[in-house]
Structures are given as C-alpha cells and as structure tokens.
Amino acid sequence: MLAKILVEGIVQGVGYRYFVKQSADRLNLVGFVKNLENGSVYVEAVGSESKLRIFIEELKVGTRFADVRKVDVNFGLEERNFGDFRITC
C-alpha cells in the first residue's frame, strides 16, 4: 500500500526529515521524504497498512522541536518501486 502524506507546521529546520527516515527504516517502509518550498514536508511511503498507520501516528508527533499542525494522508494501491527510504531535496 502507498501513502502520500503532507505534513504542515514547523517541520523544516528541526530534524523532522531525519526523524521520518528513522521511523520508516524501523518499520521497514520504503519511499522518500522531502521539504517543500511552502515550509511543509511531503512523504511517500510503501508498506503494509498496519505499519503505515503506525508511521502516520508517529509523524503527527514529530521531533521535540517540531510543531506538527496538520497531516493529510491519501492511500493508494498503486505500487512504487522504491528500494529503500530516502531523504531528498
């Protein structure tokens, strides 16, 4: 299952993308995370529905320096061929 996730709030410059990667790696998810120009963070993650739901709950909390205000998620059945989970620009 694929999850497309948009995270809004104070999520840039606070180690949030590294937090996302650590969480994804621990849950054996593949995909990517990147900063957007508007200050939000975009994530695509592939894995089982149960692991994705745990992941999303963790993203809502974030790092101690982050202030996550909104998390929008769209699930899809489309497959992406990610080899691992990466931080991109």
C-alpha atoms as a PDB file:
ATOM      1  CA  MET A   1       0.000   0.000   0.000  1.00  0.00           C
ATOM      2  CA  LEU A   2       1.154   3.525  -0.791  1.00  0.00           C
ATOM      3  CA  ALA A   3       0.636   6.518   1.487  1.00  0.00           C
ATOM      4  CA  LYS A   4       1.088  10.080   0.209  1.00  0.00           C
ATOM      5  CA  ILE A   5       1.484  12.322   3.235  1.00  0.00           C
ATOM      6  CA  LEU A   6       1.641  16.108   3.550  1.00  0.00           C
ATOM      7  CA  VAL A   7       2.821  17.429   6.913  1.00  0.00           C
ATOM      8  CA  GLU A   8       2.280  21.095   7.802  1.00  0.00           C
ATOM      9  CA  GLY A   9       3.555  23.165  10.701  1.00  0.00           C
ATOM     10  CA  ILE A  10       7.063  23.872  11.907  1.00  0.00           C
ATOM     11  CA  VAL A  11       8.662  20.867  10.264  1.00  0.00           C
ATOM     12  CA  GLN A  12      11.689  22.308   8.474  1.00  0.00           C
ATOM     13  CA  GLY A  13      14.984  23.058  10.184  1.00  0.00           C
ATOM     14  CA  VAL A  14      14.082  20.897  13.180  1.00  0.00           C
ATOM     15  CA  GLY A  15      15.382  17.464  12.096  1.00  0.00           C
ATOM     16  CA  TYR A  16      11.949  16.312  11.004  1.00  0.00           C
ATOM     17  CA  ARG A  17      13.041  14.616   7.756  1.00  0.00           C
ATOM     18  CA  TYR A  18      15.674  12.612   9.652  1.00  0.00           C
ATOM     19  CA  PHE A  19      13.033  11.624  12.200  1.00  0.00           C
ATOM     20  CA  VAL A  20      10.782  10.471   9.339  1.00  0.00           C
ATOM     21  CA  LYS A  21      13.585   8.389   7.832  1.00  0.00           C
ATOM     22  CA  GLN A  22      14.416   6.737  11.161  1.00  0.00           C
ATOM     23  CA  SER A  23      10.762   5.885  11.715  1.00  0.00           C
ATOM     24  CA  ALA A  24      10.390   4.495   8.175  1.00  0.00           C
ATOM     25  CA  ASP A  25      13.572   2.430   8.490  1.00  0.00           C
ATOM     26  CA  ARG A  26      12.459   0.986  11.825  1.00  0.00           C
ATOM     27  CA  LEU A  27       9.099  -0.005  10.311  1.00  0.00           C
ATOM     28  CA  ASN A  28      10.723  -1.386   7.124  1.00  0.00           C
ATOM     29  CA  LEU A  29       8.925   1.115   4.887  1.00  0.00           C
ATOM     30  CA  VAL A  30      10.334   2.348   1.590  1.00  0.00           C
ATOM     31  CA  GLY A  31       9.838   5.693  -0.114  1.00  0.00           C
ATOM     32  CA  PHE A  32      11.043   9.236   0.400  1.00  0.00           C
ATOM     33  CA  VAL A  33      10.638  12.451   2.372  1.00  0.00           C
ATOM     34  CA  LYS A  34      11.337  15.958   1.125  1.00  0.00           C
ATOM     35  CA  ASN A  35      10.895  19.597   2.100  1.00  0.00           C
ATOM     36  CA  LEU A  36       8.521  21.694   0.021  1.00  0.00           C
ATOM     37  CA  GLU A  37       9.025  25.373  -0.776  1.00  0.00           C
ATOM     38  CA  ASN A  38       5.979  26.372   1.280  1.00  0.00           C
ATOM     39  CA  GLY A  39       7.568  25.066   4.515  1.00  0.00           C
ATOM     40  CA  SER A  40       5.729  21.753   4.642  1.00  0.00           C
ATOM     41  CA  VAL A  41       7.122  18.235   4.244  1.00  0.00           C
ATOM     42  CA  TYR A  42       5.957  15.647   1.703  1.00  0.00           C
ATOM     43  CA  VAL A  43       6.300  11.890   2.244  1.00  0.00           C
ATOM     44  CA  GLU A  44       5.570   8.880   0.079  1.00  0.00           C
ATOM     45  CA  ALA A  45       5.814   5.558   1.885  1.00  0.00           C
ATOM     46  CA  VAL A  46       5.073   1.985   0.842  1.00  0.00           C
ATOM     47  CA  GLY A  47       4.385  -0.864   3.245  1.00  0.00           C
ATOM     48  CA  SER A  48       1.629  -2.773   4.973  1.00  0.00           C
ATOM     49  CA  GLU A  49      -1.431  -0.840   6.070  1.00  0.00           C
ATOM     50  CA  SER A  50      -0.751  -1.576   9.747  1.00  0.00           C
ATOM     51  CA  LYS A  51       2.833  -0.276   9.573  1.00  0.00           C
ATOM     52  CA  LEU A  52       1.765   2.785   7.603  1.00  0.00           C
ATOM     53  CA  ARG A  53      -0.820   3.634  10.249  1.00  0.00           C
ATOM     54  CA  ILE A  54       1.826   3.409  12.992  1.00  0.00           C
ATOM     55  CA  PHE A  55       4.135   5.562  10.849  1.00  0.00           C
ATOM     56  CA  ILE A  56       1.458   8.222  10.363  1.00  0.00           C
ATOM     57  CA  GLU A  57       0.768   8.392  14.097  1.00  0.00           C
ATOM     58  CA  GLU A  58       4.498   8.930  14.701  1.00  0.00           C
ATOM     59  CA  LEU A  59       4.611  11.667  12.051  1.00  0.00           C
ATOM     60  CA  LYS A  60       1.835  13.502  13.900  1.00  0.00           C
ATOM     61  CA  VAL A  61       4.123  13.741  16.938  1.00  0.00           C
ATOM     62  CA  GLY A  62       7.437  14.512  15.220  1.00  0.00           C
ATOM     63  CA  THR A  63      10.572  15.692  16.960  1.00  0.00           C
ATOM     64  CA  ARG A  64      10.611  17.694  20.168  1.00  0.00           C
ATOM     65  CA  PHE A  65      11.456  20.825  18.150  1.00  0.00           C
ATOM     66  CA  ALA A  66       8.733  20.293  15.540  1.00  0.00           C
ATOM     67  CA  ASP A  67       5.214  21.655  15.790  1.00  0.00           C
ATOM     68  CA  VAL A  68       3.081  19.419  13.575  1.00  0.00           C
ATOM     69  CA  ARG A  69      -0.185  21.204  12.905  1.00  0.00           C
ATOM     70  CA  LYS A  70      -1.745  19.120  10.145  1.00  0.00           C
ATOM     71  CA  VAL A  71      -1.160  15.737   8.498  1.00  0.00           C
ATOM     72  CA  ASP A  72      -3.064  14.905   5.301  1.00  0.00           C
ATOM     73  CA  VAL A  73      -2.896  11.319   4.055  1.00  0.00           C
ATOM     74  CA  ASN A  74      -4.035   9.742   0.805  1.00  0.00           C
ATOM     75  CA  PHE A  75      -3.796   5.970   0.499  1.00  0.00           C
ATOM     76  CA  GLY A  76      -3.451   4.201  -2.817  1.00  0.00           C
ATOM     77  CA  LEU A  77      -2.955   0.698  -4.071  1.00  0.00           C
ATOM     78  CA  GLU A  78      -0.531   1.761  -6.791  1.00  0.00           C
ATOM     79  CA  GLU A  79       2.928   0.316  -6.478  1.00  0.00           C
ATOM     80  CA  ARG A  80       6.090   2.370  -6.491  1.00  0.00           C
ATOM     81  CA  ASN A  81       9.471   0.767  -6.990  1.00  0.00           C
ATOM     82  CA  PHE A  82      11.392   2.288  -4.063  1.00  0.00           C
ATOM     83  CA  GLY A  83      14.462   0.314  -2.998  1.00  0.00           C
ATOM     84  CA  ASP A  84      14.760   1.989   0.383  1.00  0.00           C
ATOM     85  CA  PHE A  85      13.653   5.114   2.240  1.00  0.00           C
ATOM     86  CA  ARG A  86      15.475   8.310   1.289  1.00  0.00           C
ATOM     87  CA  ILE A  87      15.679  11.949   2.198  1.00  0.00           C
ATOM     88  CA  THR A  88      15.504  14.016  -0.989  1.00  0.00           C
ATOM     89  CA  CYS A  89      15.744  17.737  -1.697  1.00  0.00           C
END
